[in-house]
Amino acid sequence: MAEGVRIDKWLWAVRIFKTRSQATEACKKGHVTIGDSVIKASREVHVGEVIKVRKSPITKSFKVLALSGKRMGAKLVTDFAEDVTPPEEIELLEMQKNMRWSVREKGTGRPTKKDRRDLDDFFEW
């Protein structure tokens, strides 16, 4: 295998992003870092590096176990990347998921009767 693979290609190959253009766009916007430095999509990634990808609301961390420039099945991803995201970040994501239904977006209109009853049940201790 080659010494390195482009970061956008690797992120796409290990299924962190659905398309390679999404991976490239994330690199351009500064959402992908290695060692606290923002990187370009053309930078080569090497085995052993830890890549941080900021996806709202958390920053996920992945350790590179092997290199691949070709998209693989979901079962093979564990051979190429290890998720080393801290537990605090995962807890933050879980809290965000649980709180999501109780927050109404501005402009969604008046709550339905079912929404109101759900809110009453939630706030009733």
PDB file of N, CA and C in Angstrom:
ATOM      1  N   MET A   1       0.842  -1.177   0.000  1.00  0.00           N
ATOM      2  CA  MET A   1       0.000   0.000   0.000  1.00  0.00           C
ATOM      3  C   MET A   1       0.887   1.240   0.000  1.00  0.00           C
ATOM      4  N   ALA A   2       0.363   2.307  -0.468  1.00  0.00           N
ATOM      5  CA  ALA A   2       1.101   3.563  -0.535  1.00  0.00           C
ATOM      6  C   ALA A   2       1.402   4.083   0.866  1.00  0.00           C
ATOM      7  N   GLU A   3       2.338   5.019   0.938  1.00  0.00           N
ATOM      8  CA  GLU A   3       2.718   5.582   2.227  1.00  0.00           C
ATOM      9  C   GLU A   3       1.613   6.423   2.842  1.00  0.00           C
ATOM     10  N   GLY A   4       0.819   7.060   1.999  1.00  0.00           N
ATOM     11  CA  GLY A   4      -0.249   7.901   2.509  1.00  0.00           C
ATOM     12  C   GLY A   4      -1.407   7.990   1.537  1.00  0.00           C
ATOM     13  N   VAL A   5      -2.550   8.387   2.056  1.00  0.00           N
ATOM     14  CA  VAL A   5      -3.759   8.572   1.255  1.00  0.00           C
ATOM     15  C   VAL A   5      -4.299   9.957   1.588  1.00  0.00           C
ATOM     16  N   ARG A   6      -4.884  10.620   0.606  1.00  0.00           N
ATOM     17  CA  ARG A   6      -5.482  11.932   0.854  1.00  0.00           C
ATOM     18  C   ARG A   6      -6.522  11.821   1.959  1.00  0.00           C
ATOM     19  N   ILE A   7      -6.558  12.820   2.830  1.00  0.00           N
ATOM     20  CA  ILE A   7      -7.464  12.783   3.980  1.00  0.00           C
ATOM     21  C   ILE A   7      -8.928  12.741   3.552  1.00  0.00           C
ATOM     22  N   ASP A   8      -9.292  13.490   2.517  1.00  0.00           N
ATOM     23  CA  ASP A   8     -10.691  13.480   2.091  1.00  0.00           C
ATOM     24  C   ASP A   8     -11.091  12.112   1.544  1.00  0.00           C
ATOM     25  N   LYS A   9     -10.162  11.465   0.869  1.00  0.00           N
ATOM     26  CA  LYS A   9     -10.423  10.139   0.320  1.00  0.00           C
ATOM     27  C   LYS A   9     -10.567   9.106   1.439  1.00  0.00           C
ATOM     28  N   TRP A  10      -9.722   9.208   2.456  1.00  0.00           N
ATOM     29  CA  TRP A  10      -9.777   8.269   3.576  1.00  0.00           C
ATOM     30  C   TRP A  10     -11.061   8.459   4.389  1.00  0.00           C
ATOM     31  N   LEU A  11     -11.446   9.723   4.641  1.00  0.00           N
ATOM     32  CA  LEU A  11     -12.676   9.991   5.388  1.00  0.00           C
ATOM     33  C   LEU A  11     -13.891   9.421   4.654  1.00  0.00           C
ATOM     34  N   TRP A  12     -13.877   9.510   3.345  1.00  0.00           N
ATOM     35  CA  TRP A  12     -14.970   8.953   2.545  1.00  0.00           C
ATOM     36  C   TRP A  12     -14.906   7.423   2.552  1.00  0.00           C
ATOM     37  N   ALA A  13     -13.714   6.861   2.445  1.00  0.00           N
ATOM     38  CA  ALA A  13     -13.549   5.406   2.364  1.00  0.00           C
ATOM     39  C   ALA A  13     -14.001   4.709   3.650  1.00  0.00           C
ATOM     40  N   VAL A  14     -13.757   5.320   4.804  1.00  0.00           N
ATOM     41  CA  VAL A  14     -14.147   4.691   6.072  1.00  0.00           C
ATOM     42  C   VAL A  14     -15.523   5.153   6.543  1.00  0.00           C
ATOM     43  N   ARG A  15     -16.284   5.745   5.636  1.00  0.00           N
ATOM     44  CA  ARG A  15     -17.691   6.071   5.837  1.00  0.00           C
ATOM     45  C   ARG A  15     -17.966   7.107   6.925  1.00  0.00           C
ATOM     46  N   ILE A  16     -17.049   8.042   7.122  1.00  0.00           N
ATOM     47  CA  ILE A  16     -17.318   9.152   8.033  1.00  0.00           C
ATOM     48  C   ILE A  16     -18.183  10.181   7.320  1.00  0.00           C
ATOM     49  N   PHE A  17     -17.984  10.313   6.005  1.00  0.00           N
ATOM     50  CA  PHE A  17     -18.824  11.167   5.162  1.00  0.00           C
ATOM     51  C   PHE A  17     -19.414  10.327   4.042  1.00  0.00           C
ATOM     52  N   LYS A  18     -20.636  10.699   3.614  1.00  0.00           N
ATOM     53  CA  LYS A  18     -21.320   9.943   2.562  1.00  0.00           C
ATOM     54  C   LYS A  18     -20.668  10.120   1.203  1.00  0.00           C
ATOM     55  N   THR A  19     -20.179  11.317   0.922  1.00  0.00           N
ATOM     56  CA  THR A  19     -19.552  11.568  -0.377  1.00  0.00           C
ATOM     57  C   THR A  19     -18.171  12.171  -0.162  1.00  0.00           C
ATOM     58  N   ARG A  20     -17.347  12.030  -1.171  1.00  0.00           N
ATOM     59  CA  ARG A  20     -16.005  12.598  -1.079  1.00  0.00           C
ATOM     60  C   ARG A  20     -16.069  14.118  -1.105  1.00  0.00           C
ATOM     61  N   SER A  21     -17.064  14.671  -1.834  1.00  0.00           N
ATOM     62  CA  SER A  21     -17.185  16.136  -1.852  1.00  0.00           C
ATOM     63  C   SER A  21     -17.560  16.678  -0.479  1.00  0.00           C
ATOM     64  N   GLN A  22     -18.354  15.926   0.291  1.00  0.00           N
ATOM     65  CA  GLN A  22     -18.671  16.362   1.654  1.00  0.00           C
ATOM     66  C   GLN A  22     -17.411  16.360   2.516  1.00  0.00           C
ATOM     67  N   ALA A  23     -16.568  15.356   2.343  1.00  0.00           N
ATOM     68  CA  ALA A  23     -15.310  15.285   3.094  1.00  0.00           C
ATOM     69  C   ALA A  23     -14.402  16.448   2.704  1.00  0.00           C
ATOM     70  N   THR A  24     -14.329  16.759   1.416  1.00  0.00           N
ATOM     71  CA  THR A  24     -13.510  17.876   0.943  1.00  0.00           C
ATOM     72  C   THR A  24     -14.031  19.196   1.493  1.00  0.00           C
ATOM     73  N   GLU A  25     -15.341  19.357   1.482  1.00  0.00           N
ATOM     74  CA  GLU A  25     -15.965  20.590   1.993  1.00  0.00           C
ATOM     75  C   GLU A  25     -15.704  20.757   3.488  1.00  0.00           C
ATOM     76  N   ALA A  26     -15.771  19.668   4.254  1.00  0.00           N
ATOM     77  CA  ALA A  26     -15.485  19.731   5.687  1.00  0.00           C
ATOM     78  C   ALA A  26     -14.044  20.168   5.933  1.00  0.00           C
ATOM     79  N   CYS A  27     -13.125  19.687   5.106  1.00  0.00           N
ATOM     80  CA  CYS A  27     -11.719  20.098   5.242  1.00  0.00           C
ATOM     81  C   CYS A  27     -11.567  21.584   4.919  1.00  0.00           C
ATOM     82  N   LYS A  28     -12.238  22.044   3.869  1.00  0.00           N
ATOM     83  CA  LYS A  28     -12.153  23.456   3.489  1.00  0.00           C
ATOM     84  C   LYS A  28     -12.697  24.380   4.572  1.00  0.00           C
ATOM     85  N   LYS A  29     -13.754  23.932   5.243  1.00  0.00           N
ATOM     86  CA  LYS A  29     -14.389  24.752   6.278  1.00  0.00           C
ATOM     87  C   LYS A  29     -13.658  24.672   7.616  1.00  0.00           C
ATOM     88  N   GLY A  30     -12.649  23.815   7.719  1.00  0.00           N
ATOM     89  CA  GLY A  30     -11.873  23.724   8.954  1.00  0.00           C
ATOM     90  C   GLY A  30     -12.472  22.794   9.984  1.00  0.00           C
ATOM     91  N   HIS A  31     -13.317  21.867   9.572  1.00  0.00           N
ATOM     92  CA  HIS A  31     -13.955  20.938  10.501  1.00  0.00           C
ATOM     93  C   HIS A  31     -13.107  19.701  10.765  1.00  0.00           C
ATOM     94  N   VAL A  32     -12.022  19.527  10.012  1.00  0.00           N
ATOM     95  CA  VAL A  32     -11.155  18.354  10.164  1.00  0.00           C
ATOM     96  C   VAL A  32      -9.779  18.825  10.630  1.00  0.00           C
ATOM     97  N   THR A  33      -9.290  18.223  11.722  1.00  0.00           N
ATOM     98  CA  THR A  33      -7.981  18.608  12.254  1.00  0.00           C
ATOM     99  C   THR A  33      -7.155  17.364  12.573  1.00  0.00           C
ATOM    100  N   ILE A  34      -5.853  17.552  12.514  1.00  0.00           N
ATOM    101  CA  ILE A  34      -4.905  16.533  12.972  1.00  0.00           C
ATOM    102  C   ILE A  34      -3.920  17.268  13.859  1.00  0.00           C
ATOM    103  N   GLY A  35      -3.838  16.844  15.114  1.00  0.00           N
ATOM    104  CA  GLY A  35      -2.912  17.481  16.044  1.00  0.00           C
ATOM    105  C   GLY A  35      -3.197  18.956  16.243  1.00  0.00           C
ATOM    106  N   ASP A  36      -4.440  19.331  16.392  1.00  0.00           N
ATOM    107  CA  ASP A  36      -4.887  20.711  16.644  1.00  0.00           C
ATOM    108  C   ASP A  36      -4.563  21.683  15.517  1.00  0.00           C
ATOM    109  N   SER A  37      -4.269  21.184  14.332  1.00  0.00           N
ATOM    110  CA  SER A  37      -4.056  22.086  13.202  1.00  0.00           C
ATOM    111  C   SER A  37      -5.043  21.722  12.092  1.00  0.00           C
ATOM    112  N   VAL A  38      -5.674  22.744  11.549  1.00  0.00           N
ATOM    113  CA  VAL A  38      -6.628  22.559  10.464  1.00  0.00           C
ATOM    114  C   VAL A  38      -5.864  22.096   9.229  1.00  0.00           C
ATOM    115  N   ILE A  39      -6.434  21.166   8.503  1.00  0.00           N
ATOM    116  CA  ILE A  39      -5.717  20.601   7.366  1.00  0.00           C
ATOM    117  C   ILE A  39      -6.500  20.778   6.074  1.00  0.00           C
ATOM    118  N   LYS A  40      -5.774  20.707   4.973  1.00  0.00           N
ATOM    119  CA  LYS A  40      -6.392  20.769   3.650  1.00  0.00           C
ATOM    120  C   LYS A  40      -6.792  19.362   3.220  1.00  0.00           C
ATOM    121  N   ALA A  41      -7.700  19.286   2.255  1.00  0.00           N
ATOM    122  CA  ALA A  41      -8.190  17.999   1.772  1.00  0.00           C
ATOM    123  C   ALA A  41      -7.090  17.187   1.090  1.00  0.00           C
ATOM    124  N   SER A  42      -6.062  17.838   0.599  1.00  0.00           N
ATOM    125  CA  SER A  42      -5.013  17.129  -0.133  1.00  0.00           C
ATOM    126  C   SER A  42      -3.926  16.550   0.777  1.00  0.00           C
ATOM    127  N   ARG A  43      -3.976  16.829   2.069  1.00  0.00           N
ATOM    128  CA  ARG A  43      -2.947  16.323   2.977  1.00  0.00           C
ATOM    129  C   ARG A  43      -3.041  14.810   3.074  1.00  0.00           C
ATOM    130  N   GLU A  44      -1.895  14.175   3.122  1.00  0.00           N
ATOM    131  CA  GLU A  44      -1.871  12.721   3.236  1.00  0.00           C
ATOM    132  C   GLU A  44      -1.952  12.315   4.703  1.00  0.00           C
ATOM    133  N   VAL A  45      -2.722  11.281   4.957  1.00  0.00           N
ATOM    134  CA  VAL A  45      -2.883  10.742   6.305  1.00  0.00           C
ATOM    135  C   VAL A  45      -2.027   9.484   6.415  1.00  0.00           C
ATOM    136  N   HIS A  46      -1.504   9.232   7.609  1.00  0.00           N
ATOM    137  CA  HIS A  46      -0.621   8.088   7.838  1.00  0.00           C
ATOM    138  C   HIS A  46      -1.147   7.256   8.999  1.00  0.00           C
ATOM    139  N   VAL A  47      -0.737   6.010   9.044  1.00  0.00           N
ATOM    140  CA  VAL A  47      -1.170   5.092  10.095  1.00  0.00           C
ATOM    141  C   VAL A  47      -0.715   5.620  11.453  1.00  0.00           C
ATOM    142  N   GLY A  48      -1.622   5.578  12.440  1.00  0.00           N
ATOM    143  CA  GLY A  48      -1.314   6.009  13.796  1.00  0.00           C
ATOM    144  C   GLY A  48      -1.767   7.421  14.119  1.00  0.00           C
ATOM    145  N   GLU A  49      -2.121   8.212  13.124  1.00  0.00           N
ATOM    146  CA  GLU A  49      -2.574   9.579  13.373  1.00  0.00           C
ATOM    147  C   GLU A  49      -4.000   9.581  13.918  1.00  0.00           C
ATOM    148  N   VAL A  50      -4.295  10.602  14.727  1.00  0.00           N
ATOM    149  CA  VAL A  50      -5.642  10.779  15.261  1.00  0.00           C
ATOM    150  C   VAL A  50      -6.275  11.967  14.550  1.00  0.00           C
ATOM    151  N   ILE A  51      -7.409  11.706  13.919  1.00  0.00           N
ATOM    152  CA  ILE A  51      -8.118  12.723  13.145  1.00  0.00           C
ATOM    153  C   ILE A  51      -9.353  13.145  13.920  1.00  0.00           C
ATOM    154  N   LYS A  52      -9.539  14.447  14.060  1.00  0.00           N
ATOM    155  CA  LYS A  52     -10.725  14.970  14.735  1.00  0.00           C
ATOM    156  C   LYS A  52     -11.641  15.600  13.696  1.00  0.00           C
ATOM    157  N   VAL A  53     -12.904  15.181  13.717  1.00  0.00           N
ATOM    158  CA  VAL A  53     -13.901  15.676  12.779  1.00  0.00           C
ATOM    159  C   VAL A  53     -15.011  16.338  13.583  1.00  0.00           C
ATOM    160  N   ARG A  54     -15.234  17.625  13.335  1.00  0.00           N
ATOM    161  CA  ARG A  54     -16.273  18.357  14.057  1.00  0.00           C
ATOM    162  C   ARG A  54     -17.589  18.225  13.302  1.00  0.00           C
ATOM    163  N   LYS A  55     -18.507  17.486  13.914  1.00  0.00           N
ATOM    164  CA  LYS A  55     -19.867  17.358  13.396  1.00  0.00           C
ATOM    165  C   LYS A  55     -20.769  17.830  14.523  1.00  0.00           C
ATOM    166  N   SER A  56     -21.558  18.829  14.218  1.00  0.00           N
ATOM    167  CA  SER A  56     -22.373  19.459  15.252  1.00  0.00           C
ATOM    168  C   SER A  56     -23.206  18.429  15.993  1.00  0.00           C
ATOM    169  N   PRO A  57     -23.259  18.408  17.287  1.00  0.00           N
ATOM    170  CA  PRO A  57     -22.694  19.311  18.273  1.00  0.00           C
ATOM    171  C   PRO A  57     -21.389  18.808  18.890  1.00  0.00           C
ATOM    172  N   ILE A  58     -20.801  17.720  18.377  1.00  0.00           N
ATOM    173  CA  ILE A  58     -19.613  17.154  19.015  1.00  0.00           C
ATOM    174  C   ILE A  58     -18.440  17.073  18.035  1.00  0.00           C
ATOM    175  N   THR A  59     -17.270  16.774  18.593  1.00  0.00           N
ATOM    176  CA  THR A  59     -16.078  16.527  17.788  1.00  0.00           C
ATOM    177  C   THR A  59     -15.709  15.065  17.960  1.00  0.00           C
ATOM    178  N   LYS A  60     -15.791  14.304  16.868  1.00  0.00           N
ATOM    179  CA  LYS A  60     -15.457  12.881  16.923  1.00  0.00           C
ATOM    180  C   LYS A  60     -13.980  12.702  16.599  1.00  0.00           C
ATOM    181  N   SER A  61     -13.350  11.738  17.246  1.00  0.00           N
ATOM    182  CA  SER A  61     -11.932  11.446  17.029  1.00  0.00           C
ATOM    183  C   SER A  61     -11.777  10.030  16.498  1.00  0.00           C
ATOM    184  N   PHE A  62     -10.926   9.885  15.496  1.00  0.00           N
ATOM    185  CA  PHE A  62     -10.683   8.585  14.888  1.00  0.00           C
ATOM    186  C   PHE A  62      -9.190   8.345  14.786  1.00  0.00           C
ATOM    187  N   LYS A  63      -8.761   7.133  15.140  1.00  0.00           N
ATOM    188  CA  LYS A  63      -7.359   6.752  15.000  1.00  0.00           C
ATOM    189  C   LYS A  63      -7.233   5.926  13.724  1.00  0.00           C
ATOM    190  N   VAL A  64      -6.243   6.258  12.908  1.00  0.00           N
ATOM    191  CA  VAL A  64      -6.027   5.569  11.634  1.00  0.00           C
ATOM    192  C   VAL A  64      -5.285   4.261  11.910  1.00  0.00           C
ATOM    193  N   LEU A  65      -5.936   3.144  11.600  1.00  0.00           N
ATOM    194  CA  LEU A  65      -5.320   1.830  11.795  1.00  0.00           C
ATOM    195  C   LEU A  65      -4.697   1.305  10.513  1.00  0.00           C
ATOM    196  N   ALA A  66      -5.320   1.627   9.383  1.00  0.00           N
ATOM    197  CA  ALA A  66      -4.810   1.202   8.069  1.00  0.00           C
ATOM    198  C   ALA A  66      -5.290   2.206   7.031  1.00  0.00           C
ATOM    199  N   LEU A  67      -4.683   2.159   5.857  1.00  0.00           N
ATOM    200  CA  LEU A  67      -5.021   3.108   4.804  1.00  0.00           C
ATOM    201  C   LEU A  67      -5.804   2.425   3.691  1.00  0.00           C
ATOM    202  N   SER A  68      -6.732   3.183   3.124  1.00  0.00           N
ATOM    203  CA  SER A  68      -7.487   2.689   1.977  1.00  0.00           C
ATOM    204  C   SER A  68      -8.024   3.881   1.220  1.00  0.00           C
ATOM    205  N   GLY A  69      -7.939   3.808  -0.084  1.00  0.00           N
ATOM    206  CA  GLY A  69      -8.472   4.866  -0.922  1.00  0.00           C
ATOM    207  C   GLY A  69      -9.784   4.466  -1.566  1.00  0.00           C
ATOM    208  N   LYS A  70     -10.226   3.244  -1.283  1.00  0.00           N
ATOM    209  CA  LYS A  70     -11.462   2.749  -1.879  1.00  0.00           C
ATOM    210  C   LYS A  70     -12.523   2.588  -0.806  1.00  0.00           C
ATOM    211  N   ARG A  71     -13.750   2.919  -1.158  1.00  0.00           N
ATOM    212  CA  ARG A  71     -14.883   2.811  -0.230  1.00  0.00           C
ATOM    213  C   ARG A  71     -15.094   1.342   0.122  1.00  0.00           C
ATOM    214  N   MET A  72     -15.394   1.089   1.402  1.00  0.00           N
ATOM    215  CA  MET A  72     -15.524  -0.286   1.868  1.00  0.00           C
ATOM    216  C   MET A  72     -16.866  -0.502   2.535  1.00  0.00           C
ATOM    217  N   GLY A  73     -17.192  -1.733   2.777  1.00  0.00           N
ATOM    218  CA  GLY A  73     -18.413  -2.074   3.486  1.00  0.00           C
ATOM    219  C   GLY A  73     -18.312  -1.663   4.943  1.00  0.00           C
ATOM    220  N   ALA A  74     -19.451  -1.469   5.571  1.00  0.00           N
ATOM    221  CA  ALA A  74     -19.488  -1.001   6.957  1.00  0.00           C
ATOM    222  C   ALA A  74     -18.809  -1.979   7.919  1.00  0.00           C
ATOM    223  N   LYS A  75     -18.842  -3.269   7.605  1.00  0.00           N
ATOM    224  CA  LYS A  75     -18.228  -4.265   8.484  1.00  0.00           C
ATOM    225  C   LYS A  75     -16.705  -4.162   8.498  1.00  0.00           C
ATOM    226  N   LEU A  76     -16.115  -3.652   7.427  1.00  0.00           N
ATOM    227  CA  LEU A  76     -14.656  -3.567   7.331  1.00  0.00           C
ATOM    228  C   LEU A  76     -14.077  -2.291   7.938  1.00  0.00           C
ATOM    229  N   VAL A  77     -14.916  -1.340   8.260  1.00  0.00           N
ATOM    230  CA  VAL A  77     -14.440  -0.045   8.758  1.00  0.00           C
ATOM    231  C   VAL A  77     -13.627  -0.198  10.040  1.00  0.00           C
ATOM    232  N   THR A  78     -13.989  -1.139  10.898  1.00  0.00           N
ATOM    233  CA  THR A  78     -13.272  -1.309  12.164  1.00  0.00           C
ATOM    234  C   THR A  78     -11.815  -1.746  11.968  1.00  0.00           C
ATOM    235  N   ASP A  79     -11.499  -2.288  10.803  1.00  0.00           N
ATOM    236  CA  ASP A  79     -10.112  -2.673  10.509  1.00  0.00           C
ATOM    237  C   ASP A  79      -9.262  -1.473  10.089  1.00  0.00           C
ATOM    238  N   PHE A  80      -9.907  -0.391   9.691  1.00  0.00           N
ATOM    239  CA  PHE A  80      -9.187   0.762   9.157  1.00  0.00           C
ATOM    240  C   PHE A  80      -9.227   1.990  10.074  1.00  0.00           C
ATOM    241  N   ALA A  81     -10.267   2.091  10.908  1.00  0.00           N
ATOM    242  CA  ALA A  81     -10.403   3.259  11.787  1.00  0.00           C
ATOM    243  C   ALA A  81     -10.964   2.834  13.144  1.00  0.00           C
ATOM    244  N   GLU A  82     -10.453   3.470  14.197  1.00  0.00           N
ATOM    245  CA  GLU A  82     -10.935   3.201  15.550  1.00  0.00           C
ATOM    246  C   GLU A  82     -11.499   4.501  16.107  1.00  0.00           C
ATOM    247  N   ASP A  83     -12.720   4.433  16.628  1.00  0.00           N
ATOM    248  CA  ASP A  83     -13.361   5.614  17.205  1.00  0.00           C
ATOM    249  C   ASP A  83     -12.815   5.822  18.611  1.00  0.00           C
ATOM    250  N   VAL A  84     -12.072   6.915  18.814  1.00  0.00           N
ATOM    251  CA  VAL A  84     -11.484   7.220  20.120  1.00  0.00           C
ATOM    252  C   VAL A  84     -12.097   8.500  20.702  1.00  0.00           C
ATOM    253  N   THR A  85     -13.363   8.734  20.388  1.00  0.00           N
ATOM    254  CA  THR A  85     -14.063   9.909  20.894  1.00  0.00           C
ATOM    255  C   THR A  85     -14.207   9.789  22.411  1.00  0.00           C
ATOM    256  N   PRO A  86     -13.880  10.857  23.165  1.00  0.00           N
ATOM    257  CA  PRO A  86     -14.013  10.798  24.622  1.00  0.00           C
ATOM    258  C   PRO A  86     -15.481  10.578  25.034  1.00  0.00           C
ATOM    259  N   PRO A  87     -15.700   9.870  26.137  1.00  0.00           N
ATOM    260  CA  PRO A  87     -17.071   9.592  26.601  1.00  0.00           C
ATOM    261  C   PRO A  87     -17.884  10.864  26.878  1.00  0.00           C
ATOM    262  N   GLU A  88     -17.206  11.952  27.256  1.00  0.00           N
ATOM    263  CA  GLU A  88     -17.920  13.208  27.534  1.00  0.00           C
ATOM    264  C   GLU A  88     -18.623  13.724  26.279  1.00  0.00           C
ATOM    265  N   GLU A  89     -17.956  13.573  25.133  1.00  0.00           N
ATOM    266  CA  GLU A  89     -18.536  14.029  23.870  1.00  0.00           C
ATOM    267  C   GLU A  89     -19.768  13.191  23.512  1.00  0.00           C
ATOM    268  N   ILE A  90     -19.679  11.894  23.759  1.00  0.00           N
ATOM    269  CA  ILE A  90     -20.798  11.005  23.446  1.00  0.00           C
ATOM    270  C   ILE A  90     -21.975  11.303  24.368  1.00  0.00           C
ATOM    271  N   GLU A  91     -21.693  11.596  25.645  1.00  0.00           N
ATOM    272  CA  GLU A  91     -22.754  11.973  26.581  1.00  0.00           C
ATOM    273  C   GLU A  91     -23.428  13.266  26.138  1.00  0.00           C
ATOM    274  N   LEU A  92     -22.650  14.208  25.637  1.00  0.00           N
ATOM    275  CA  LEU A  92     -23.199  15.461  25.135  1.00  0.00           C
ATOM    276  C   LEU A  92     -24.148  15.202  23.972  1.00  0.00           C
ATOM    277  N   LEU A  93     -23.780  14.286  23.091  1.00  0.00           N
ATOM    278  CA  LEU A  93     -24.637  13.936  21.963  1.00  0.00           C
ATOM    279  C   LEU A  93     -25.936  13.294  22.443  1.00  0.00           C
ATOM    280  N   GLU A  94     -25.849  12.408  23.431  1.00  0.00           N
ATOM    281  CA  GLU A  94     -27.045  11.766  23.978  1.00  0.00           C
ATOM    282  C   GLU A  94     -27.971  12.799  24.622  1.00  0.00           C
ATOM    283  N   MET A  95     -27.386  13.737  25.377  1.00  0.00           N
ATOM    284  CA  MET A  95     -28.195  14.798  25.996  1.00  0.00           C
ATOM    285  C   MET A  95     -28.888  15.618  24.919  1.00  0.00           C
ATOM    286  N   GLN A  96     -28.175  15.918  23.866  1.00  0.00           N
ATOM    287  CA  GLN A  96     -28.727  16.711  22.767  1.00  0.00           C
ATOM    288  C   GLN A  96     -29.902  15.976  22.120  1.00  0.00           C
ATOM    289  N   LYS A  97     -29.767  14.666  21.945  1.00  0.00           N
ATOM    290  CA  LYS A  97     -30.848  13.871  21.350  1.00  0.00           C
ATOM    291  C   LYS A  97     -32.082  13.872  22.249  1.00  0.00           C
ATOM    292  N   ASN A  98     -31.860  13.750  23.559  1.00  0.00           N
ATOM    293  CA  ASN A  98     -32.988  13.713  24.491  1.00  0.00           C
ATOM    294  C   ASN A  98     -33.689  15.063  24.592  1.00  0.00           C
ATOM    295  N   MET A  99     -32.953  16.135  24.468  1.00  0.00           N
ATOM    296  CA  MET A  99     -33.541  17.473  24.605  1.00  0.00           C
ATOM    297  C   MET A  99     -34.172  17.960  23.306  1.00  0.00           C
ATOM    298  N   ARG A 100     -33.864  17.335  22.212  1.00  0.00           N
ATOM    299  CA  ARG A 100     -34.297  17.820  20.906  1.00  0.00           C
ATOM    300  C   ARG A 100     -35.815  17.902  20.769  1.00  0.00           C
ATOM    301  N   TRP A 101     -36.522  16.914  21.280  1.00  0.00           N
ATOM    302  CA  TRP A 101     -37.963  16.894  21.069  1.00  0.00           C
ATOM    303  C   TRP A 101     -38.682  17.946  21.901  1.00  0.00           C
ATOM    304  N   SER A 102     -38.083  18.398  22.997  1.00  0.00           N
ATOM    305  CA  SER A 102     -38.760  19.375  23.853  1.00  0.00           C
ATOM    306  C   SER A 102     -38.555  20.814  23.367  1.00  0.00           C
ATOM    307  N   VAL A 103     -37.648  21.033  22.446  1.00  0.00           N
ATOM    308  CA  VAL A 103     -37.384  22.367  21.930  1.00  0.00           C
ATOM    309  C   VAL A 103     -38.135  22.547  20.618  1.00  0.00           C
ATOM    310  N   ARG A 104     -38.916  23.596  20.522  1.00  0.00           N
ATOM    311  CA  ARG A 104     -39.664  23.868  19.300  1.00  0.00           C
ATOM    312  C   ARG A 104     -38.918  24.906  18.487  1.00  0.00           C
ATOM    313  N   GLU A 105     -38.810  24.662  17.214  1.00  0.00           N
ATOM    314  CA  GLU A 105     -38.166  25.612  16.316  1.00  0.00           C
ATOM    315  C   GLU A 105     -39.060  26.828  16.134  1.00  0.00           C
ATOM    316  N   LYS A 106     -38.448  27.985  16.013  1.00  0.00           N
ATOM    317  CA  LYS A 106     -39.207  29.204  15.818  1.00  0.00           C
ATOM    318  C   LYS A 106     -39.900  29.159  14.457  1.00  0.00           C
ATOM    319  N   GLY A 107     -41.155  29.527  14.453  1.00  0.00           N
ATOM    320  CA  GLY A 107     -41.896  29.562  13.204  1.00  0.00           C
ATOM    321  C   GLY A 107     -42.613  28.265  12.867  1.00  0.00           C
ATOM    322  N   THR A 108     -42.589  27.280  13.773  1.00  0.00           N
ATOM    323  CA  THR A 108     -43.276  26.019  13.487  1.00  0.00           C
ATOM    324  C   THR A 108     -44.762  26.102  13.819  1.00  0.00           C
ATOM    325  N   GLY A 109     -45.182  27.215  14.344  1.00  0.00           N
ATOM    326  CA  GLY A 109     -46.603  27.388  14.630  1.00  0.00           C
ATOM    327  C   GLY A 109     -46.980  26.967  16.029  1.00  0.00           C
ATOM    328  N   ARG A 110     -48.256  26.930  16.213  1.00  0.00           N
ATOM    329  CA  ARG A 110     -48.813  26.615  17.515  1.00  0.00           C
ATOM    330  C   ARG A 110     -48.692  25.113  17.790  1.00  0.00           C
ATOM    331  N   PRO A 111     -48.414  24.717  19.049  1.00  0.00           N
ATOM    332  CA  PRO A 111     -48.327  23.288  19.353  1.00  0.00           C
ATOM    333  C   PRO A 111     -49.690  22.611  19.183  1.00  0.00           C
ATOM    334  N   THR A 112     -49.657  21.378  18.734  1.00  0.00           N
ATOM    335  CA  THR A 112     -50.904  20.622  18.637  1.00  0.00           C
ATOM    336  C   THR A 112     -51.318  20.184  20.030  1.00  0.00           C
ATOM    337  N   LYS A 113     -52.512  19.638  20.126  1.00  0.00           N
ATOM    338  CA  LYS A 113     -53.001  19.176  21.419  1.00  0.00           C
ATOM    339  C   LYS A 113     -52.087  18.074  21.963  1.00  0.00           C
ATOM    340  N   LYS A 114     -51.625  17.189  21.092  1.00  0.00           N
ATOM    341  CA  LYS A 114     -50.729  16.113  21.510  1.00  0.00           C
ATOM    342  C   LYS A 114     -49.399  16.680  22.005  1.00  0.00           C
ATOM    343  N   ASP A 115     -48.851  17.681  21.294  1.00  0.00           N
ATOM    344  CA  ASP A 115     -47.600  18.320  21.722  1.00  0.00           C
ATOM    345  C   ASP A 115     -47.769  18.948  23.105  1.00  0.00           C
ATOM    346  N   ARG A 116     -48.871  19.620  23.313  1.00  0.00           N
ATOM    347  CA  ARG A 116     -49.108  20.272  24.592  1.00  0.00           C
ATOM    348  C   ARG A 116     -49.198  19.247  25.709  1.00  0.00           C
ATOM    349  N   ARG A 117     -49.888  18.143  25.458  1.00  0.00           N
ATOM    350  CA  ARG A 117     -50.009  17.092  26.481  1.00  0.00           C
ATOM    351  C   ARG A 117     -48.655  16.452  26.771  1.00  0.00           C
ATOM    352  N   ASP A 118     -47.866  16.248  25.736  1.00  0.00           N
ATOM    353  CA  ASP A 118     -46.517  15.702  25.938  1.00  0.00           C
ATOM    354  C   ASP A 118     -45.662  16.650  26.776  1.00  0.00           C
ATOM    355  N   LEU A 119     -45.757  17.945  26.494  1.00  0.00           N
ATOM    356  CA  LEU A 119     -45.012  18.931  27.281  1.00  0.00           C
ATOM    357  C   LEU A 119     -45.494  18.949  28.729  1.00  0.00           C
ATOM    358  N   ASP A 120     -46.798  18.873  28.941  1.00  0.00           N
ATOM    359  CA  ASP A 120     -47.339  18.842  30.303  1.00  0.00           C
ATOM    360  C   ASP A 120     -46.844  17.617  31.055  1.00  0.00           C
ATOM    361  N   ASP A 121     -46.833  16.471  30.379  1.00  0.00           N
ATOM    362  CA  ASP A 121     -46.345  15.248  31.020  1.00  0.00           C
ATOM    363  C   ASP A 121     -44.865  15.344  31.344  1.00  0.00           C
ATOM    364  N   PHE A 122     -44.106  15.972  30.446  1.00  0.00           N
ATOM    365  CA  PHE A 122     -42.661  16.112  30.657  1.00  0.00           C
ATOM    366  C   PHE A 122     -42.344  16.996  31.845  1.00  0.00           C
ATOM    367  N   PHE A 123     -43.043  18.143  31.941  1.00  0.00           N
ATOM    368  CA  PHE A 123     -42.738  19.091  33.014  1.00  0.00           C
ATOM    369  C   PHE A 123     -43.431  18.770  34.315  1.00  0.00           C
ATOM    370  N   GLU A 124     -44.333  17.806  34.309  1.00  0.00           N
ATOM    371  CA  GLU A 124     -44.998  17.379  35.534  1.00  0.00           C
ATOM    372  C   GLU A 124     -44.126  16.347  36.231  1.00  0.00           C
ATOM    373  N   TRP A 125     -43.703  16.606  37.424  1.00  0.00           N
ATOM    374  CA  TRP A 125     -42.761  15.722  38.125  1.00  0.00           C
ATOM    375  C   TRP A 125     -43.560  14.745  38.891  1.00  0.00           C
TER     376      TRP A 125
END
